[in-house]
C-alpha atoms as a PDB file:
ATOM      1  CA  MET A   1       0.000   0.000   0.000  1.00  0.00           C
ATOM      2  CA  PHE A   2       2.823   2.343   0.929  1.00  0.00           C
ATOM      3  CA  GLY A   3       4.647   1.582  -2.306  1.00  0.00           C
ATOM      4  CA  SER A   4       1.486   2.206  -4.277  1.00  0.00           C
ATOM      5  CA  CYS A   5       1.028   5.643  -2.641  1.00  0.00           C
ATOM      6  CA  THR A   6       4.651   6.459  -3.377  1.00  0.00           C
ATOM      7  CA  ARG A   7       4.122   5.601  -7.045  1.00  0.00           C
ATOM      8  CA  CYS A   8       0.952   7.718  -7.137  1.00  0.00           C
ATOM      9  CA  SER A   9       2.802  10.645  -5.596  1.00  0.00           C
ATOM     10  CA  ALA A  10       5.625  10.315  -8.103  1.00  0.00           C
ATOM     11  CA  PHE A  11       3.089  10.158 -10.934  1.00  0.00           C
ATOM     12  CA  ARG A  12       1.349  13.332  -9.733  1.00  0.00           C
ATOM     13  CA  ILE A  13       4.682  15.168  -9.515  1.00  0.00           C
ATOM     14  CA  SER A  14       5.610  13.966 -12.996  1.00  0.00           C
ATOM     15  CA  LEU A  15       2.225  15.033 -14.366  1.00  0.00           C
ATOM     16  CA  VAL A  16       2.496  18.503 -12.810  1.00  0.00           C
ATOM     17  CA  SER A  17       6.018  18.839 -14.185  1.00  0.00           C
ATOM     18  CA  PHE A  18       4.816  17.832 -17.664  1.00  0.00           C
ATOM     19  CA  ILE A  19       1.938  20.328 -17.600  1.00  0.00           C
ATOM     20  CA  MET A  20       4.124  23.198 -16.349  1.00  0.00           C
ATOM     21  CA  SER A  21       6.912  22.507 -18.855  1.00  0.00           C
ATOM     22  CA  SER A  22       4.460  22.135 -21.736  1.00  0.00           C
ATOM     23  CA  ALA A  23       2.710  25.354 -20.744  1.00  0.00           C
ATOM     24  CA  PHE A  24       5.993  27.275 -20.749  1.00  0.00           C
ATOM     25  CA  LEU A  25       6.988  25.903 -24.153  1.00  0.00           C
ATOM     26  CA  LYS A  26       3.589  26.847 -25.575  1.00  0.00           C
ATOM     27  CA  ALA A  27       3.766  30.302 -23.995  1.00  0.00           C
ATOM     28  CA  VAL A  28       7.221  31.032 -25.426  1.00  0.00           C
ATOM     29  CA  SER A  29       6.240  29.688 -28.860  1.00  0.00           C
ATOM     30  CA  ALA A  30       3.130  31.889 -28.852  1.00  0.00           C
ATOM     31  CA  ALA A  31       5.177  34.899 -27.745  1.00  0.00           C
ATOM     32  CA  MET A  32       7.722  34.325 -30.521  1.00  0.00           C
ATOM     33  CA  GLU A  33       4.866  34.057 -33.012  1.00  0.00           C
ATOM     34  CA  ARG A  34       3.658  37.499 -31.921  1.00  0.00           C
ATOM     35  CA  ILE A  35       7.178  38.917 -32.200  1.00  0.00           C
ATOM     36  CA  ALA A  36       7.986  37.290 -35.542  1.00  0.00           C
ATOM     37  CA  PRO A  37       5.021  35.545 -37.224  1.00  0.00           C
ATOM     38  CA  LEU A  38       6.243  32.378 -38.904  1.00  0.00           C
ATOM     39  CA  ARG A  39       4.218  33.188 -42.035  1.00  0.00           C
ATOM     40  CA  LEU A  40       6.820  35.903 -42.757  1.00  0.00           C
ATOM     41  CA  ALA A  41       9.617  33.367 -43.227  1.00  0.00           C
ATOM     42  CA  GLU A  42      10.972  32.812 -46.713  1.00  0.00           C
ATOM     43  CA  SER A  43       9.753  29.734 -48.591  1.00  0.00           C
ATOM     44  CA  PHE A  44      13.149  28.000 -48.379  1.00  0.00           C
ATOM     45  CA  ASP A  45      13.314  28.374 -44.609  1.00  0.00           C
ATOM     46  CA  ASN A  46      12.566  25.933 -41.790  1.00  0.00           C
ATOM     47  CA  VAL A  47      11.261  27.827 -38.778  1.00  0.00           C
ATOM     48  CA  GLY A  48       9.281  27.347 -35.581  1.00  0.00           C
ATOM     49  CA  LEU A  49       9.538  24.589 -32.990  1.00  0.00           C
ATOM     50  CA  LEU A  50      12.074  22.199 -34.538  1.00  0.00           C
ATOM     51  CA  LEU A  51      12.770  20.017 -31.507  1.00  0.00           C
ATOM     52  CA  GLU A  52      10.328  19.202 -28.720  1.00  0.00           C
ATOM     53  CA  THR A  53      11.871  17.175 -25.959  1.00  0.00           C
ATOM     54  CA  PRO A  54       9.822  14.277 -24.561  1.00  0.00           C
ATOM     55  CA  LEU A  55      11.398  14.855 -21.151  1.00  0.00           C
ATOM     56  CA  LYS A  56       9.791  17.372 -18.829  1.00  0.00           C
ATOM     57  CA  GLN A  57      11.464  18.518 -15.655  1.00  0.00           C
ATOM     58  CA  ILE A  58      10.738  20.727 -12.658  1.00  0.00           C
ATOM     59  CA  LYS A  59      13.259  23.490 -13.187  1.00  0.00           C
ATOM     60  CA  ARG A  60      13.258  27.213 -13.334  1.00  0.00           C
ATOM     61  CA  HIS A  61      11.747  28.164 -16.667  1.00  0.00           C
ATOM     62  CA  ARG A  62      14.670  29.526 -18.653  1.00  0.00           C
ATOM     63  CA  VAL A  63      15.088  30.426 -22.336  1.00  0.00           C
ATOM     64  CA  MET A  64      18.585  30.575 -23.824  1.00  0.00           C
ATOM     65  CA  LEU A  65      18.953  32.896 -26.828  1.00  0.00           C
ATOM     66  CA  THR A  66      21.660  32.203 -29.400  1.00  0.00           C
ATOM     67  CA  ILE A  67      22.401  32.722 -33.077  1.00  0.00           C
ATOM     68  CA  ASP A  68      23.789  29.222 -33.636  1.00  0.00           C
ATOM     69  CA  LEU A  69      23.243  25.958 -31.789  1.00  0.00           C
ATOM     70  CA  THR A  70      26.884  24.966 -31.290  1.00  0.00           C
ATOM     71  CA  THR A  71      28.300  22.334 -28.973  1.00  0.00           C
ATOM     72  CA  ALA A  72      29.439  25.100 -26.621  1.00  0.00           C
ATOM     73  CA  VAL A  73      25.942  26.621 -26.539  1.00  0.00           C
ATOM     74  CA  VAL A  74      24.406  23.228 -25.740  1.00  0.00           C
ATOM     75  CA  ASP A  75      26.929  22.737 -22.910  1.00  0.00           C
ATOM     76  CA  GLU A  76      26.077  26.193 -21.583  1.00  0.00           C
ATOM     77  CA  SER A  77      22.324  25.564 -21.835  1.00  0.00           C
ATOM     78  CA  ILE A  78      22.574  22.258 -19.981  1.00  0.00           C
ATOM     79  CA  ALA A  79      24.668  23.858 -17.236  1.00  0.00           C
ATOM     80  CA  ALA A  80      22.188  26.762 -16.991  1.00  0.00           C
ATOM     81  CA  GLU A  81      19.253  24.324 -16.766  1.00  0.00           C
ATOM     82  CA  ALA A  82      17.503  25.938 -19.724  1.00  0.00           C
ATOM     83  CA  SER A  83      14.247  24.357 -20.825  1.00  0.00           C
ATOM     84  CA  LEU A  84      14.188  25.998 -24.257  1.00  0.00           C
ATOM     85  CA  ILE A  85      16.784  27.310 -26.700  1.00  0.00           C
ATOM     86  CA  VAL A  86      15.720  29.956 -29.211  1.00  0.00           C
ATOM     87  CA  ALA A  87      18.367  29.559 -31.910  1.00  0.00           C
ATOM     88  CA  TYR A  88      18.066  32.133 -34.686  1.00  0.00           C
ATOM     89  CA  HIS A  89      19.503  29.862 -37.372  1.00  0.00           C
ATOM     90  CA  PRO A  90      17.522  26.670 -38.067  1.00  0.00           C
ATOM     91  CA  THR A  91      19.084  23.572 -36.561  1.00  0.00           C
ATOM     92  CA  ILE A  92      17.426  21.405 -39.218  1.00  0.00           C
ATOM     93  CA  PHE A  93      17.239  22.527 -42.848  1.00  0.00           C
ATOM     94  CA  GLY A  94      17.036  19.532 -45.145  1.00  0.00           C
ATOM     95  CA  ALA A  95      15.497  16.104 -44.745  1.00  0.00           C
ATOM     96  CA  LEU A  96      17.272  13.840 -42.267  1.00  0.00           C
ATOM     97  CA  LYS A  97      17.518  10.097 -42.847  1.00  0.00           C
ATOM     98  CA  SER A  98      19.111   9.396 -39.486  1.00  0.00           C
ATOM     99  CA  PHE A  99      19.948  10.894 -36.080  1.00  0.00           C
ATOM    100  CA  THR A 100      23.375   9.821 -34.866  1.00  0.00           C
ATOM    101  CA  LEU A 101      25.979  11.020 -32.410  1.00  0.00           C
ATOM    102  CA  GLY A 102      28.557  10.916 -35.196  1.00  0.00           C
ATOM    103  CA  ASN A 103      27.102  14.090 -36.708  1.00  0.00           C
ATOM    104  CA  PRO A 104      27.944  17.110 -34.473  1.00  0.00           C
ATOM    105  CA  LEU A 105      24.700  18.996 -35.159  1.00  0.00           C
ATOM    106  CA  GLN A 106      22.554  15.907 -34.719  1.00  0.00           C
ATOM    107  CA  ALA A 107      24.474  15.088 -31.536  1.00  0.00           C
ATOM    108  CA  SER A 108      23.643  18.565 -30.204  1.00  0.00           C
ATOM    109  CA  LEU A 109      19.952  18.010 -30.872  1.00  0.00           C
ATOM    110  CA  LEU A 110      20.015  14.569 -29.271  1.00  0.00           C
ATOM    111  CA  ARG A 111      21.749  15.992 -26.198  1.00  0.00           C
ATOM    112  CA  CYS A 112      19.134  18.740 -25.969  1.00  0.00           C
ATOM    113  CA  ALA A 113      16.324  16.206 -26.098  1.00  0.00           C
ATOM    114  CA  ALA A 114      18.039  14.007 -23.508  1.00  0.00           C
ATOM    115  CA  HIS A 115      18.366  16.948 -21.096  1.00  0.00           C
ATOM    116  CA  GLY A 116      14.804  18.179 -21.489  1.00  0.00           C
ATOM    117  CA  ILE A 117      15.599  21.130 -23.786  1.00  0.00           C
ATOM    118  CA  SER A 118      13.422  22.042 -26.772  1.00  0.00           C
ATOM    119  CA  VAL A 119      14.628  24.187 -29.701  1.00  0.00           C
ATOM    120  CA  TYR A 120      12.774  26.984 -31.511  1.00  0.00           C
ATOM    121  CA  CYS A 121      14.150  28.814 -34.576  1.00  0.00           C
ATOM    122  CA  PRO A 122      12.704  32.080 -36.057  1.00  0.00           C
ATOM    123  CA  HIS A 123      15.347  32.920 -38.735  1.00  0.00           C
ATOM    124  CA  THR A 124      13.934  34.914 -41.690  1.00  0.00           C
ATOM    125  CA  ALA A 125      10.651  35.564 -39.875  1.00  0.00           C
ATOM    126  CA  LEU A 126      12.711  37.681 -37.466  1.00  0.00           C
ATOM    127  CA  ASP A 127      14.489  39.335 -40.407  1.00  0.00           C
ATOM    128  CA  CYS A 128      11.271  40.363 -42.120  1.00  0.00           C
ATOM    129  CA  THR A 129       9.061  41.486 -39.239  1.00  0.00           C
ATOM    130  CA  TRP A 130       8.765  45.194 -38.475  1.00  0.00           C
ATOM    131  CA  GLY A 131      11.047  45.922 -35.536  1.00  0.00           C
ATOM    132  CA  GLY A 132      13.143  42.864 -36.344  1.00  0.00           C
ATOM    133  CA  ILE A 133      16.800  42.430 -37.227  1.00  0.00           C
ATOM    134  CA  ASN A 134      16.777  44.391 -40.480  1.00  0.00           C
ATOM    135  CA  ASP A 135      15.085  47.367 -38.839  1.00  0.00           C
ATOM    136  CA  TRP A 136      17.670  47.235 -36.058  1.00  0.00           C
ATOM    137  CA  LEU A 137      20.426  47.310 -38.688  1.00  0.00           C
ATOM    138  CA  ALA A 138      18.726  50.230 -40.441  1.00  0.00           C
ATOM    139  CA  GLU A 139      18.543  52.183 -37.196  1.00  0.00           C
ATOM    140  CA  GLY A 140      22.251  51.560 -36.683  1.00  0.00           C
ATOM    141  CA  VAL A 141      23.052  52.747 -40.207  1.00  0.00           C
ATOM    142  CA  MET A 142      21.143  55.966 -39.546  1.00  0.00           C
ATOM    143  CA  GLY A 143      22.810  56.536 -36.175  1.00  0.00           C
ATOM    144  CA  GLY A 144      24.725  59.704 -35.450  1.00  0.00           C
ATOM    145  CA  ARG A 145      24.611  62.286 -38.222  1.00  0.00           C
ATOM    146  CA  MET A 146      23.221  59.922 -40.859  1.00  0.00           C
ATOM    147  CA  ALA A 147      19.477  60.476 -40.361  1.00  0.00           C
ATOM    148  CA  GLY A 148      17.097  59.246 -43.042  1.00  0.00           C
ATOM    149  CA  THR A 149      14.088  57.130 -43.875  1.00  0.00           C
ATOM    150  CA  VAL A 150      13.551  53.373 -44.079  1.00  0.00           C
ATOM    151  CA  ARG A 151      11.339  51.425 -46.455  1.00  0.00           C
ATOM    152  CA  PRO A 152      11.074  47.779 -47.538  1.00  0.00           C
ATOM    153  CA  LEU A 153      13.643  46.508 -50.014  1.00  0.00           C
ATOM    154  CA  GLN A 154      11.483  43.608 -51.197  1.00  0.00           C
ATOM    155  CA  THR A 155       7.707  43.313 -51.533  1.00  0.00           C
ATOM    156  CA  GLU A 156       5.777  43.828 -48.301  1.00  0.00           C
ATOM    157  CA  LYS A 157       4.133  40.866 -46.598  1.00  0.00           C
ATOM    158  CA  PHE A 158       0.634  41.193 -45.178  1.00  0.00           C
ATOM    159  CA  SER A 159      -1.343  39.510 -42.417  1.00  0.00           C
ATOM    160  CA  PRO A 160      -4.628  37.685 -43.129  1.00  0.00           C
ATOM    161  CA  THR A 161      -6.423  40.875 -42.059  1.00  0.00           C
ATOM    162  CA  GLY A 162      -4.509  42.972 -44.580  1.00  0.00           C
ATOM    163  CA  ASP A 163      -2.078  44.656 -42.193  1.00  0.00           C
ATOM    164  CA  SER A 164       1.549  45.048 -43.251  1.00  0.00           C
ATOM    165  CA  ASP A 165       3.653  42.590 -41.222  1.00  0.00           C
ATOM    166  CA  GLY A 166       7.094  43.198 -42.717  1.00  0.00           C
ATOM    167  CA  ALA A 167       9.327  42.587 -45.712  1.00  0.00           C
ATOM    168  CA  LEU A 168      12.679  41.090 -46.605  1.00  0.00           C
ATOM    169  CA  GLY A 169      15.483  43.652 -46.517  1.00  0.00           C
ATOM    170  CA  ARG A 170      15.421  47.395 -45.956  1.00  0.00           C
ATOM    171  CA  LEU A 171      16.381  50.426 -48.029  1.00  0.00           C
ATOM    172  CA  VAL A 172      17.701  53.431 -46.117  1.00  0.00           C
ATOM    173  CA  THR A 173      17.611  56.831 -47.818  1.00  0.00           C
ATOM    174  CA  LEU A 174      19.903  59.307 -46.101  1.00  0.00           C
ATOM    175  CA  ARG A 175      18.501  62.770 -45.537  1.00  0.00           C
ATOM    176  CA  THR A 176      21.867  64.247 -46.508  1.00  0.00           C
ATOM    177  CA  PRO A 177      24.006  62.352 -49.054  1.00  0.00           C
ATOM    178  CA  ALA A 178      27.488  61.443 -47.827  1.00  0.00           C
ATOM    179  CA  THR A 179      30.768  60.105 -49.174  1.00  0.00           C
ATOM    180  CA  MET A 180      31.875  56.576 -48.386  1.00  0.00           C
ATOM    181  CA  GLU A 181      34.635  58.039 -46.234  1.00  0.00           C
ATOM    182  CA  MET A 182      32.059  59.918 -44.167  1.00  0.00           C
ATOM    183  CA  ILE A 183      29.950  56.790 -43.762  1.00  0.00           C
ATOM    184  CA  GLU A 184      32.934  54.721 -42.634  1.00  0.00           C
ATOM    185  CA  LYS A 185      34.131  57.340 -40.157  1.00  0.00           C
ATOM    186  CA  ASP A 186      30.961  58.900 -38.811  1.00  0.00           C
ATOM    187  CA  MET A 187      28.403  56.122 -39.109  1.00  0.00           C
ATOM    188  CA  LEU A 188      30.013  52.711 -39.107  1.00  0.00           C
ATOM    189  CA  LEU A 189      33.194  53.017 -37.124  1.00  0.00           C
ATOM    190  CA  THR A 190      32.024  55.387 -34.389  1.00  0.00           C
ATOM    191  CA  SER A 191      28.353  54.713 -33.718  1.00  0.00           C
ATOM    192  CA  PHE A 192      27.145  51.557 -35.424  1.00  0.00           C
ATOM    193  CA  TYR A 193      29.803  48.937 -34.860  1.00  0.00           C
ATOM    194  CA  PRO A 194      30.026  49.245 -31.063  1.00  0.00           C
ATOM    195  CA  SER A 195      26.367  48.182 -30.919  1.00  0.00           C
ATOM    196  CA  LEU A 196      27.312  45.050 -32.873  1.00  0.00           C
ATOM    197  CA  GLY A 197      30.362  44.358 -30.737  1.00  0.00           C
ATOM    198  CA  LEU A 198      32.636  44.440 -33.780  1.00  0.00           C
ATOM    199  CA  MET A 199      36.190  45.594 -34.278  1.00  0.00           C
ATOM    200  CA  CYS A 200      37.183  47.765 -37.234  1.00  0.00           C
ATOM    201  CA  ALA A 201      39.415  45.014 -38.622  1.00  0.00           C
ATOM    202  CA  GLU A 202      36.356  42.867 -39.238  1.00  0.00           C
ATOM    203  CA  VAL A 203      34.909  45.230 -41.842  1.00  0.00           C
ATOM    204  CA  GLN A 204      35.407  44.609 -45.556  1.00  0.00           C
ATOM    205  CA  VAL A 205      34.574  47.320 -48.072  1.00  0.00           C
ATOM    206  CA  GLY A 206      34.292  47.017 -51.827  1.00  0.00           C
ATOM    207  CA  TYR A 207      34.354  50.408 -53.518  1.00  0.00           C
ATOM    208  CA  ALA A 208      32.308  51.090 -56.622  1.00  0.00           C
ATOM    209  CA  THR A 209      34.431  51.718 -59.694  1.00  0.00           C
ATOM    210  CA  THR A 210      34.047  53.995 -62.676  1.00  0.00           C
ATOM    211  CA  ASN A 211      34.315  52.864 -66.293  1.00  0.00           C
ATOM    212  CA  ASP A 212      38.072  53.386 -66.242  1.00  0.00           C
ATOM    213  CA  GLY A 213      38.455  51.203 -63.143  1.00  0.00           C
ATOM    214  CA  ARG A 214      39.007  54.008 -60.644  1.00  0.00           C
ATOM    215  CA  LYS A 215      37.275  54.242 -57.272  1.00  0.00           C
ATOM    216  CA  SER A 216      34.058  56.183 -57.594  1.00  0.00           C
ATOM    217  CA  SER A 217      33.718  59.445 -55.671  1.00  0.00           C
ATOM    218  CA  ALA A 218      29.945  59.588 -56.094  1.00  0.00           C
ATOM    219  CA  MET A 219      27.911  60.562 -53.037  1.00  0.00           C
ATOM    220  CA  VAL A 220      25.953  57.906 -51.159  1.00  0.00           C
ATOM    221  CA  GLU A 221      22.241  58.442 -50.654  1.00  0.00           C
ATOM    222  CA  THR A 222      20.717  54.955 -50.523  1.00  0.00           C
ATOM    223  CA  ILE A 223      21.859  51.888 -48.547  1.00  0.00           C
ATOM    224  CA  ALA A 224      20.311  48.452 -49.080  1.00  0.00           C
ATOM    225  CA  ILE A 225      20.393  46.280 -45.955  1.00  0.00           C
ATOM    226  CA  CYS A 226      20.043  42.558 -45.342  1.00  0.00           C
ATOM    227  CA  ALA A 227      21.085  40.590 -42.274  1.00  0.00           C
ATOM    228  CA  GLY A 228      23.301  37.564 -42.828  1.00  0.00           C
ATOM    229  CA  SER A 229      23.894  36.844 -46.504  1.00  0.00           C
ATOM    230  CA  GLY A 230      22.307  39.485 -48.719  1.00  0.00           C
ATOM    231  CA  GLY A 231      23.529  38.726 -52.236  1.00  0.00           C
ATOM    232  CA  SER A 232      20.316  37.151 -53.524  1.00  0.00           C
ATOM    233  CA  VAL A 233      18.166  39.727 -51.724  1.00  0.00           C
ATOM    234  CA  PHE A 234      20.054  42.594 -53.378  1.00  0.00           C
ATOM    235  CA  ALA A 235      19.781  41.106 -56.884  1.00  0.00           C
ATOM    236  CA  GLY A 236      18.129  43.628 -59.201  1.00  0.00           C
ATOM    237  CA  LYS A 237      17.871  46.265 -56.442  1.00  0.00           C
ATOM    238  CA  GLU A 238      19.467  49.652 -57.012  1.00  0.00           C
ATOM    239  CA  ALA A 239      21.331  51.293 -54.136  1.00  0.00           C
ATOM    240  CA  ASP A 240      24.549  53.211 -53.613  1.00  0.00           C
ATOM    241  CA  VAL A 241      25.677  50.746 -50.929  1.00  0.00           C
ATOM    242  CA  TYR A 242      24.925  47.098 -50.185  1.00  0.00           C
ATOM    243  CA  PHE A 243      25.304  46.430 -46.446  1.00  0.00           C
ATOM    244  CA  THR A 244      25.231  42.817 -45.264  1.00  0.00           C
ATOM    245  CA  GLY A 245      27.246  40.127 -43.523  1.00  0.00           C
ATOM    246  CA  GLU A 246      28.557  38.266 -46.529  1.00  0.00           C
ATOM    247  CA  MET A 247      28.190  37.970 -50.303  1.00  0.00           C
ATOM    248  CA  GLN A 248      29.556  35.557 -52.864  1.00  0.00           C
ATOM    249  CA  HIS A 249      32.689  36.641 -54.703  1.00  0.00           C
ATOM    250  CA  HIS A 250      31.012  37.130 -58.068  1.00  0.00           C
ATOM    251  CA  GLU A 251      28.175  39.064 -56.420  1.00  0.00           C
ATOM    252  CA  VAL A 252      30.669  41.549 -54.961  1.00  0.00           C
ATOM    253  CA  LEU A 253      32.453  41.924 -58.296  1.00  0.00           C
ATOM    254  CA  SER A 254      29.163  42.498 -60.096  1.00  0.00           C
ATOM    255  CA  ALA A 255      28.021  45.094 -57.576  1.00  0.00           C
ATOM    256  CA  ILE A 256      31.141  47.246 -57.596  1.00  0.00           C
ATOM    257  CA  ALA A 257      31.366  47.048 -61.383  1.00  0.00           C
ATOM    258  CA  ALA A 258      27.768  48.300 -61.567  1.00  0.00           C
ATOM    259  CA  GLY A 259      28.611  51.289 -59.354  1.00  0.00           C
ATOM    260  CA  THR A 260      27.440  49.967 -55.969  1.00  0.00           C
ATOM    261  CA  ASN A 261      29.692  50.005 -52.906  1.00  0.00           C
ATOM    262  CA  VAL A 262      29.696  46.898 -50.706  1.00  0.00           C
ATOM    263  CA  ILE A 263      30.158  46.712 -46.923  1.00  0.00           C
ATOM    264  CA  LEU A 264      30.541  43.264 -45.322  1.00  0.00           C
ATOM    265  CA  CYS A 265      31.144  42.554 -41.648  1.00  0.00           C
ATOM    266  CA  GLY A 266      30.635  38.806 -41.196  1.00  0.00           C
ATOM    267  CA  HIS A 267      27.410  36.806 -41.437  1.00  0.00           C
ATOM    268  CA  THR A 268      26.446  36.433 -37.791  1.00  0.00           C
ATOM    269  CA  ASN A 269      27.896  39.822 -36.819  1.00  0.00           C
ATOM    270  CA  THR A 270      24.855  41.411 -38.479  1.00  0.00           C
ATOM    271  CA  GLU A 271      22.536  39.302 -36.301  1.00  0.00           C
ATOM    272  CA  ARG A 272      24.018  38.694 -32.851  1.00  0.00           C
ATOM    273  CA  GLY A 273      23.670  42.266 -31.595  1.00  0.00           C
ATOM    274  CA  TYR A 274      19.881  41.967 -31.859  1.00  0.00           C
ATOM    275  CA  LEU A 275      19.655  39.276 -29.174  1.00  0.00           C
ATOM    276  CA  PRO A 276      19.353  41.733 -26.230  1.00  0.00           C
ATOM    277  CA  ILE A 277      16.419  43.378 -28.016  1.00  0.00           C
ATOM    278  CA  LEU A 278      14.817  39.977 -28.600  1.00  0.00           C
ATOM    279  CA  ALA A 279      15.292  39.108 -24.926  1.00  0.00           C
ATOM    280  CA  SER A 280      13.444  42.267 -23.873  1.00  0.00           C
ATOM    281  CA  LYS A 281      10.646  41.656 -26.383  1.00  0.00           C
ATOM    282  CA  LEU A 282      10.213  38.029 -25.282  1.00  0.00           C
ATOM    283  CA  GLU A 283      10.061  38.910 -21.590  1.00  0.00           C
ATOM    284  CA  ALA A 284       7.550  41.677 -22.321  1.00  0.00           C
ATOM    285  CA  GLN A 285       5.350  39.305 -24.329  1.00  0.00           C
ATOM    286  CA  LEU A 286       5.376  36.673 -21.598  1.00  0.00           C
ATOM    287  CA  ASP A 287       4.497  39.301 -18.988  1.00  0.00           C
ATOM    288  CA  ALA A 288       1.734  40.702 -21.208  1.00  0.00           C
ATOM    289  CA  ALA A 289       0.293  37.191 -21.507  1.00  0.00           C
ATOM    290  CA  ASP A 290       0.331  36.950 -17.698  1.00  0.00           C
ATOM    291  CA  TYR A 291       2.655  33.971 -17.689  1.00  0.00           C
ATOM    292  CA  PRO A 292       3.582  33.481 -14.026  1.00  0.00           C
ATOM    293  CA  ARG A 293       7.106  34.230 -12.939  1.00  0.00           C
ATOM    294  CA  PRO A 294       9.730  33.153 -12.168  1.00  0.00           C
ATOM    295  CA  PHE A 295      11.119  32.712 -15.673  1.00  0.00           C
ATOM    296  CA  ASP A 296      14.353  33.822 -17.300  1.00  0.00           C
ATOM    297  CA  VAL A 297      15.403  34.869 -20.785  1.00  0.00           C
ATOM    298  CA  VAL A 298      19.192  34.799 -21.017  1.00  0.00           C
ATOM    299  CA  ILE A 299      21.678  35.335 -23.845  1.00  0.00           C
ATOM    300  CA  SER A 300      24.393  32.798 -24.560  1.00  0.00           C
ATOM    301  CA  THR A 301      27.895  33.895 -23.660  1.00  0.00           C
ATOM    302  CA  THR A 302      29.543  31.193 -25.771  1.00  0.00           C
ATOM    303  CA  ASP A 303      27.758  31.962 -29.042  1.00  0.00           C
ATOM    304  CA  LYS A 304      30.156  33.798 -31.349  1.00  0.00           C
ATOM    305  CA  HIS A 305      31.164  34.292 -34.966  1.00  0.00           C
ATOM    306  CA  PRO A 306      32.869  31.075 -36.107  1.00  0.00           C
ATOM    307  CA  LEU A 307      35.765  32.865 -37.852  1.00  0.00           C
ATOM    308  CA  GLU A 308      38.501  34.957 -36.282  1.00  0.00           C
ATOM    309  CA  PHE A 309      41.110  37.337 -37.672  1.00  0.00           C
ATOM    310  CA  VAL A 310      44.671  36.176 -36.934  1.00  0.00           C
END
């Protein structure tokens, strides 16, 4: 009889744990949907809840924010007793025929599941949404003396009710045209890059050339912006500057030959600085939904750009 009561008690605790953990996962997923509706994601993308752990545990409800789900981030999340990782980049893109520990990414996912950690990925939904990563980049570009206006670079995306939800890419039009030298000195190197946590050495610039191959001295008025890799987003779009994390070699050559300057600062460097903003938005959404505290939204300290200058 005593053993039976013990089993019943353990079952009730397990059931309560399952309900609480499931409720938190649903609450965070719903909050992320309000921040960055998944319908905004590009057709190639794989977004939303990509891993739901079958293990539920009574722990402090904690969300770990990261750009990439690396081995170090998984170690950090396990040590921090996180119950959910919001990883900006999708952890699963193509079809998987197996899940093995021999594949580092698959091993990370298996470890997450084994430690009761689910994984949610917003990616291009967070790029497109108003107030998302591309708007944050645009605000940085217009910092200091470079005031201007922002409009969508690609076609706007609308909600089922007809409201504008966002668009892929942004086009900044500076109120006062500037030279590339002014942009580098006054906008990028002094006011924008500190917010991204970058060093000047990490910036690559391709200068537009004239017909005789010389560096163009034309004034800059428009700046096209895309977080991450913007080459395909910029295709066919006119601007004086393309600002993104990375572009393919031939895309850079084509741009500068066509009279467009190019500024590159590393793929994830155009994304990681947004995480504190996302943390604030997520906490505010959970509070607005009256989700009971305590809960935490923390930013990974081990997530970083995979390449270093030596």
